[in-house]
Amino acid sequence: MQRPKLFISYSHPDEIYKVELVKHLSTMKRNHEVEIWNDRMINPGEEWDKVINSKLLEADIILLLVSSDFIASDYCNDIEVKKAVEKHNLGKAKVIPIIVRSCDWKTTIFAKLQALPKDGKPLKNWSDIDEAFLFVIEGIRQAINERTPHLVSSPDNVDILDSFPVFPMVEPDDVPRVIIEAISKTVPFNEAETLINEANRLRKKANPTDKNVTIIELHKIQHSSQIAPYDFWMKVISQARLHGPKMLAALLLTVSDSSFTEEAKREKQNLLEILKSYKK
């Protein structure tokens, strides 16, 4: 089983708390329980926003180090927190707020999430900060243990993708309208980008050494808030079709069909079988 990927989101004035957190996570890292990433690991010459976005999309556990500086940061809130909560709502990651300093966090979009340490008491307010961090580590480990059954699905889906050819283009008539309707009715607009990025990530993982893997390019699709849901998803699926059976299969495997009608579920399974039958 792959190790859960842990992403630390924080404001640089709280660097001291991030450093201490990483120290307290050292046992979990040494025991191969997690892979830890924060923005101080960006290499010279890399485009930091692209790296952060990529690591955020890969993350299984996202830690928010919450303070007044964190809440005041436009980048932390408009980019990292927004995408983190979208992934959390999709069930693709678990978001854990860690309150480092007293602030007005109970009116934020992550206020509904259980915070650490105990009772959401800020780290700075503990007389023994090591005890506070112990509560944090125990909470993170509990979240990982609860999430482990979900993590095994990602490698399984990568294995499943081996059954699908990369080419040729999928014929439009092979994609039933009922599938597009089902996706457009069950995936909220504000979660569409995260879901598509997850499908792209799955597609890339199926051929990790291929630098020419074609994926769904969101910038070529009109923003979801500007067109009707069905039209938006028809454009997404059309682009996936053009990139071949494996890309379309990655998208279908990423979308949960738990809220689909029975007809849509059957059509999805039938389409997956059709995609496997395309000649390589």
Protein backbone atom coordinates (compact mmCIF):
# COMPACT_ATOMS: atom_id res chain seq x y z
CA MET A 1 0.00 0.00 0.00
CA GLN A 2 1.28 3.48 -0.83
CA ARG A 3 2.15 5.85 1.99
CA PRO A 4 -0.33 8.68 2.54
CA LYS A 5 0.96 12.02 1.25
CA LEU A 6 0.77 14.80 3.82
CA PHE A 7 0.67 18.47 2.71
CA ILE A 8 1.34 21.28 5.19
CA SER A 9 -0.36 24.59 4.39
CA TYR A 10 0.84 27.53 6.50
CA SER A 11 1.73 31.21 6.50
CA HIS A 12 5.46 31.95 6.69
CA PRO A 13 5.15 33.99 9.92
CA ASP A 14 4.19 30.62 11.50
CA GLU A 15 7.36 28.91 10.27
CA ILE A 16 8.41 28.04 13.81
CA TYR A 17 5.26 25.97 14.31
CA LYS A 18 5.70 24.24 10.96
CA VAL A 19 9.27 23.31 11.86
CA GLU A 20 8.17 21.90 15.22
CA LEU A 21 5.35 19.96 13.58
CA VAL A 22 7.77 18.35 11.12
CA LYS A 23 10.01 17.37 14.07
CA HIS A 24 7.10 15.73 15.86
CA LEU A 25 6.16 13.90 12.64
CA SER A 26 9.68 12.45 12.33
CA THR A 27 8.75 9.08 13.87
CA MET A 28 5.88 8.62 11.43
CA LYS A 29 8.18 9.59 8.56
CA ARG A 30 10.94 7.23 9.73
CA ASN A 31 8.42 4.39 10.06
CA HIS A 32 7.22 5.07 6.49
CA GLU A 33 3.73 5.95 7.72
CA VAL A 34 3.61 9.20 5.71
CA GLU A 35 5.30 11.29 3.05
CA ILE A 36 5.55 14.91 4.21
CA TRP A 37 5.68 17.99 1.95
CA ASN A 38 5.77 21.74 2.51
CA ASP A 39 6.76 24.67 0.32
CA ARG A 40 10.32 24.84 1.69
CA MET A 41 10.95 21.70 -0.39
CA ILE A 42 10.52 23.54 -3.71
CA ASN A 43 13.75 23.36 -5.69
CA PRO A 44 15.52 26.42 -7.14
CA GLY A 45 14.25 27.27 -10.60
CA GLU A 46 10.89 25.52 -10.16
CA GLU A 47 7.64 27.43 -10.67
CA TRP A 48 6.43 27.46 -7.09
CA ASP A 49 2.72 27.89 -7.82
CA LYS A 50 2.70 24.90 -10.19
CA VAL A 51 4.61 22.75 -7.70
CA ILE A 52 2.28 23.68 -4.84
CA ASN A 53 -0.79 22.93 -6.96
CA SER A 54 0.63 19.56 -8.00
CA LYS A 55 1.53 18.56 -4.44
CA LEU A 56 -1.84 19.72 -3.17
CA LEU A 57 -3.65 17.57 -5.74
CA GLU A 58 -1.54 14.55 -4.76
CA ALA A 59 -2.14 15.00 -1.03
CA ASP A 60 -4.17 12.53 1.02
CA ILE A 61 -3.97 14.50 4.29
CA ILE A 62 -3.86 18.31 4.27
CA LEU A 63 -2.87 20.15 7.44
CA LEU A 64 -3.85 23.80 7.83
CA LEU A 65 -1.72 25.69 10.39
CA VAL A 66 -4.30 28.30 11.38
CA SER A 67 -3.48 31.75 12.72
CA SER A 68 -4.42 35.37 11.99
CA ASP A 69 -1.61 35.47 9.41
CA PHE A 70 -2.93 32.31 7.74
CA ILE A 71 -6.47 33.70 7.59
CA ALA A 72 -5.17 37.03 6.25
CA SER A 73 -3.20 35.36 3.44
CA ASP A 74 -5.06 35.55 0.12
CA TYR A 75 -2.96 32.74 -1.34
CA CYS A 76 -3.51 30.39 1.59
CA ASN A 77 -7.27 30.93 1.50
CA ASP A 78 -8.09 31.53 -2.18
CA ILE A 79 -5.83 28.75 -3.49
CA GLU A 80 -4.74 26.22 -0.89
CA VAL A 81 -7.73 26.20 1.48
CA LYS A 82 -10.26 26.33 -1.36
CA LYS A 83 -8.74 23.35 -3.17
CA ALA A 84 -8.18 21.47 0.08
CA VAL A 85 -11.83 21.78 1.11
CA GLU A 86 -12.97 20.76 -2.38
CA LYS A 87 -10.87 17.59 -2.13
CA HIS A 88 -12.22 16.95 1.36
CA ASN A 89 -15.81 17.28 0.16
CA LEU A 90 -15.08 14.87 -2.71
CA GLY A 91 -13.64 12.35 -0.27
CA LYS A 92 -10.26 12.60 -2.03
CA ALA A 93 -8.41 13.92 1.01
CA LYS A 94 -8.89 14.68 4.69
CA VAL A 95 -8.34 18.27 5.84
CA ILE A 96 -7.25 18.89 9.44
CA PRO A 97 -7.05 22.45 10.85
CA ILE A 98 -4.32 22.84 13.48
CA ILE A 99 -4.84 26.02 15.50
CA VAL A 100 -1.45 27.56 16.21
CA ARG A 101 -2.50 31.01 17.48
CA SER A 102 -5.78 32.53 18.65
CA CYS A 103 -7.78 33.94 15.74
CA ASP A 104 -11.28 34.21 14.28
CA TRP A 105 -11.23 30.81 12.51
CA LYS A 106 -14.70 29.62 13.54
CA THR A 107 -16.34 31.58 10.71
CA THR A 108 -14.10 30.19 7.95
CA ILE A 109 -15.04 27.57 5.34
CA PHE A 110 -13.09 24.94 7.30
CA ALA A 111 -14.75 25.75 10.64
CA LYS A 112 -16.98 22.67 10.31
CA LEU A 113 -13.93 20.41 10.44
CA GLN A 114 -12.64 18.95 13.69
CA ALA A 115 -9.57 20.92 14.69
CA LEU A 116 -6.44 20.00 16.62
CA PRO A 117 -5.02 20.07 19.27
CA LYS A 118 -7.53 19.05 21.93
CA ASP A 119 -10.66 21.26 21.96
CA GLY A 120 -9.08 23.49 19.30
CA LYS A 121 -6.91 25.17 21.95
CA PRO A 122 -4.15 27.08 20.11
CA LEU A 123 -0.66 25.62 20.33
CA LYS A 124 0.71 28.90 21.60
CA ASN A 125 -1.61 28.79 24.63
CA TRP A 126 -0.37 25.45 25.98
CA SER A 127 1.99 25.55 28.96
CA ASP A 128 3.62 22.37 27.59
CA ILE A 129 3.71 22.72 23.80
CA ASP A 130 5.17 19.22 23.39
CA GLU A 131 2.01 17.82 24.98
CA ALA A 132 -0.04 19.87 22.52
CA PHE A 133 1.94 18.50 19.58
CA LEU A 134 1.45 14.97 20.92
CA PHE A 135 -2.32 15.50 20.68
CA VAL A 136 -1.78 16.74 17.11
CA ILE A 137 0.30 13.71 16.09
CA GLU A 138 -2.18 11.29 17.63
CA GLY A 139 -5.00 13.02 15.74
CA ILE A 140 -3.10 12.85 12.44
CA ARG A 141 -2.32 9.16 12.95
CA GLN A 142 -6.00 8.47 13.70
CA ALA A 143 -7.02 10.28 10.50
CA ILE A 144 -4.53 8.24 8.48
CA ASN A 145 -5.75 4.96 9.99
CA GLU A 146 -9.35 5.89 9.19
CA ARG A 147 -8.45 6.87 5.65
CA THR A 148 -6.27 3.87 4.81
CA PRO A 149 -9.13 1.81 3.25
CA HIS A 150 -9.73 4.68 0.81
CA LEU A 151 -6.08 5.03 -0.13
CA VAL A 152 -5.83 1.52 -1.57
CA SER A 153 -8.37 2.41 -4.24
CA SER A 154 -5.96 4.72 -6.05
CA PRO A 155 -3.31 2.05 -6.83
CA ASP A 156 -6.12 -0.36 -7.74
CA ASN A 157 -7.49 2.09 -10.29
CA VAL A 158 -4.03 2.53 -11.78
CA ASP A 159 -3.87 -1.25 -12.24
CA ILE A 160 -7.34 -1.24 -13.78
CA LEU A 161 -6.21 1.37 -16.33
CA ASP A 162 -3.72 -1.16 -17.71
CA SER A 163 -6.74 -2.86 -19.30
CA PHE A 164 -7.46 0.17 -21.49
CA PRO A 165 -5.56 1.15 -24.65
CA VAL A 166 -4.08 4.63 -25.01
CA PHE A 167 -5.42 5.09 -28.55
CA PRO A 168 -7.47 5.53 -30.76
CA MET A 169 -9.94 8.37 -30.23
CA VAL A 170 -13.22 7.21 -28.68
CA GLU A 171 -16.24 7.55 -30.96
CA PRO A 172 -18.83 10.08 -29.67
CA ASP A 173 -21.70 7.63 -30.21
CA ASP A 174 -20.10 5.23 -27.72
CA VAL A 175 -20.71 7.66 -24.82
CA PRO A 176 -24.39 7.53 -23.73
CA ARG A 177 -26.09 10.83 -22.94
CA VAL A 178 -27.28 9.40 -19.62
CA ILE A 179 -23.68 9.26 -18.32
CA ILE A 180 -23.06 12.93 -19.09
CA GLU A 181 -26.38 13.83 -17.47
CA ALA A 182 -25.55 11.78 -14.36
CA ILE A 183 -22.15 13.45 -13.91
CA SER A 184 -23.57 16.93 -14.48
CA LYS A 185 -26.26 16.33 -11.84
CA THR A 186 -24.00 14.81 -9.16
CA VAL A 187 -20.77 16.84 -9.38
CA PRO A 188 -21.13 20.43 -8.06
CA PHE A 189 -19.57 23.23 -10.12
CA ASN A 190 -17.13 24.12 -7.35
CA GLU A 191 -15.78 20.56 -7.27
CA ALA A 192 -15.42 20.03 -11.01
CA GLU A 193 -11.83 21.28 -11.29
CA THR A 194 -10.62 19.10 -8.42
CA LEU A 195 -12.28 16.01 -9.88
CA ILE A 196 -10.80 16.60 -13.35
CA ASN A 197 -7.36 17.16 -11.87
CA GLU A 198 -7.70 13.87 -9.96
CA ALA A 199 -8.56 12.09 -13.22
CA ASN A 200 -5.51 13.64 -14.89
CA ARG A 201 -3.33 12.54 -11.98
CA LEU A 202 -4.65 8.97 -12.27
CA ARG A 203 -3.98 8.98 -16.02
CA LYS A 204 -0.40 10.16 -15.50
CA LYS A 205 0.24 7.54 -12.83
CA ALA A 206 -0.75 4.83 -15.33
CA ASN A 207 2.22 5.84 -17.53
CA PRO A 208 4.60 7.69 -15.17
CA THR A 209 7.61 7.62 -17.54
CA ASP A 210 5.71 8.86 -20.60
CA LYS A 211 6.35 12.61 -20.94
CA ASN A 212 3.81 12.87 -23.77
CA VAL A 213 0.73 11.69 -21.90
CA THR A 214 -2.25 13.74 -23.06
CA ILE A 215 -4.68 14.90 -20.40
CA ILE A 216 -7.80 17.04 -20.05
CA GLU A 217 -6.75 20.69 -20.37
CA LEU A 218 -9.08 22.81 -18.28
CA HIS A 219 -7.88 26.10 -19.75
CA LYS A 220 -9.37 25.03 -23.10
CA ILE A 221 -12.82 24.57 -21.59
CA GLN A 222 -15.15 27.46 -20.80
CA HIS A 223 -15.39 27.95 -17.05
CA SER A 224 -18.09 25.81 -15.45
CA SER A 225 -19.86 28.83 -13.95
CA GLN A 226 -20.40 30.33 -17.42
CA ILE A 227 -22.26 27.44 -19.07
CA ALA A 228 -24.87 24.86 -18.16
CA PRO A 229 -23.60 21.79 -16.24
CA TYR A 230 -24.47 19.37 -19.03
CA ASP A 231 -22.68 21.47 -21.66
CA PHE A 232 -19.61 21.80 -19.44
CA TRP A 233 -19.32 18.05 -18.84
CA MET A 234 -19.99 17.29 -22.48
CA LYS A 235 -16.94 19.43 -23.33
CA VAL A 236 -14.86 17.67 -20.66
CA ILE A 237 -15.84 14.21 -21.88
CA SER A 238 -15.32 15.22 -25.51
CA GLN A 239 -11.77 16.24 -24.69
CA ALA A 240 -11.22 12.99 -22.76
CA ARG A 241 -12.51 11.04 -25.79
CA LEU A 242 -9.99 12.75 -28.06
CA HIS A 243 -7.19 11.63 -25.76
CA GLY A 244 -8.23 7.98 -26.06
CA PRO A 245 -9.87 5.18 -24.06
CA LYS A 246 -7.38 5.30 -21.17
CA MET A 247 -8.02 9.01 -20.46
CA LEU A 248 -11.79 8.62 -20.64
CA ALA A 249 -11.60 5.55 -18.40
CA ALA A 250 -9.53 7.53 -15.86
CA LEU A 251 -12.27 10.17 -15.75
CA LEU A 252 -15.05 7.59 -15.35
CA LEU A 253 -13.15 5.77 -12.60
CA THR A 254 -12.62 9.04 -10.71
CA VAL A 255 -16.30 10.00 -10.71
CA SER A 256 -18.23 8.26 -7.94
CA ASP A 257 -21.44 6.71 -9.25
CA SER A 258 -23.01 6.25 -5.80
CA SER A 259 -25.64 8.89 -6.66
CA PHE A 260 -26.21 7.70 -10.24
CA THR A 261 -29.47 6.12 -11.29
CA GLU A 262 -29.34 2.37 -11.86
CA GLU A 263 -29.49 3.00 -15.60
CA ALA A 264 -26.53 5.39 -15.45
CA LYS A 265 -24.52 2.89 -13.39
CA ARG A 266 -25.16 0.15 -15.97
CA GLU A 267 -24.24 2.45 -18.85
CA LYS A 268 -21.03 3.46 -17.11
CA GLN A 269 -19.99 -0.17 -16.70
CA ASN A 270 -20.96 -0.92 -20.30
CA LEU A 271 -18.90 2.02 -21.54
CA LEU A 272 -15.87 0.87 -19.57
CA GLU A 273 -16.14 -2.54 -21.25
CA ILE A 274 -16.43 -0.89 -24.67
CA LEU A 275 -13.32 1.19 -23.97
CA LYS A 276 -11.37 -1.97 -23.16
CA SER A 277 -12.35 -3.42 -26.52
CA TYR A 278 -10.79 -0.62 -28.54
CA LYS A 279 -7.84 -1.95 -30.55
CA LYS A 280 -4.43 -0.91 -29.28
